[in-house]
Amino acid sequence: MATQTRTTGQIYEATCIHLPVELKQQAKCAGINMTATLREALKEKLQTDNNTENKNNPAQPNHEQTGNTASHGGAV
């Protein structure tokens, strides 16, 4: 899959999601940037999951602290 490198050095990769037509139309009418919204929601979800993981198993390091950037569940 093709990647795009921004001037900041951040590498991006396109992904495809399937949404109900009504949801996509509502987001478009509301002027919601779906890419930015998905990106923010994923970051928040990962942070929440990492915090929950660390509370349940304090012996495991936080992925952010170790620099582990492996993807979980596919391309985003």
Protein backbone atom coordinates (compact mmCIF):
# COMPACT_ATOMS: atom_id res chain seq x y z
CA MET A 1 0.00 0.00 0.00
CA ALA A 2 1.29 3.45 -0.90
CA THR A 3 2.54 5.74 1.82
CA GLN A 4 2.92 9.49 1.94
CA THR A 5 5.62 11.32 3.89
CA ARG A 6 4.72 14.80 5.10
CA THR A 7 7.22 17.63 5.51
CA THR A 8 7.14 16.91 9.25
CA GLY A 9 8.60 13.47 8.56
CA GLN A 10 5.37 11.74 9.61
CA ILE A 11 4.51 8.82 7.31
CA TYR A 12 0.85 8.31 6.40
CA GLU A 13 -0.87 5.33 4.81
CA ALA A 14 -4.34 5.33 3.24
CA THR A 15 -6.98 3.05 4.68
CA CYS A 16 -10.56 2.21 3.83
CA ILE A 17 -13.48 1.99 6.24
CA HIS A 18 -17.10 1.04 5.70
CA LEU A 19 -19.77 3.26 7.21
CA PRO A 20 -23.54 3.24 7.00
CA VAL A 21 -24.56 5.68 4.24
CA GLU A 22 -26.68 7.70 6.67
CA LEU A 23 -23.77 8.18 9.06
CA LYS A 24 -21.46 9.37 6.29
CA GLN A 25 -24.11 11.77 4.97
CA GLN A 26 -24.77 13.19 8.44
CA ALA A 27 -21.05 13.73 9.04
CA LYS A 28 -20.66 15.44 5.67
CA CYS A 29 -23.67 17.72 6.29
CA ALA A 30 -22.29 18.60 9.73
CA GLY A 31 -18.91 19.51 8.20
CA ILE A 32 -17.08 16.83 10.19
CA ASN A 33 -13.60 15.96 8.96
CA MET A 34 -13.85 12.17 9.15
CA THR A 35 -10.11 11.58 8.75
CA ALA A 36 -9.22 13.90 11.63
CA THR A 37 -12.07 12.53 13.76
CA LEU A 38 -10.98 8.92 13.22
CA ARG A 39 -7.35 9.80 13.92
CA GLU A 40 -8.29 11.55 17.20
CA ALA A 41 -10.62 8.72 18.25
CA LEU A 42 -7.96 6.08 17.59
CA LYS A 43 -5.34 7.99 19.58
CA GLU A 44 -7.78 8.37 22.48
CA LYS A 45 -8.79 4.69 22.33
CA LEU A 46 -5.16 3.56 22.28
CA GLN A 47 -4.31 5.83 25.21
CA THR A 48 -7.30 4.55 27.18
CA ASP A 49 -6.45 0.92 26.37
CA ASN A 50 -2.79 1.45 27.33
CA ASN A 51 -3.79 3.06 30.63
CA THR A 52 -6.20 0.20 31.39
CA GLU A 53 -3.54 -2.36 30.43
CA ASN A 54 -0.97 -0.74 32.72
CA LYS A 55 -3.40 -0.58 35.66
CA ASN A 56 -4.31 -4.25 35.24
CA ASN A 57 -0.71 -5.36 34.77
CA PRO A 58 1.73 -2.82 36.23
CA ALA A 59 4.74 -5.01 35.36
CA GLN A 60 4.19 -4.39 31.63
CA PRO A 61 5.78 -1.23 30.19
CA ASN A 62 3.70 1.34 28.36
CA HIS A 63 4.18 1.03 24.56
CA GLU A 64 4.84 4.78 24.32
CA GLN A 65 7.62 4.53 26.90
CA THR A 66 9.33 1.68 25.04
CA GLY A 67 8.96 3.27 21.63
CA ASN A 68 7.00 0.27 20.37
CA THR A 69 5.05 1.49 17.37
CA ALA A 70 3.79 -1.84 16.07
CA SER A 71 0.29 -1.60 14.67
CA HIS A 72 -2.55 -3.48 16.27
CA GLY A 73 -5.09 -4.92 13.88
CA GLY A 74 -4.09 -3.52 10.51
CA ALA A 75 -3.20 -0.40 8.65
CA VAL A 76 -4.55 2.95 9.65
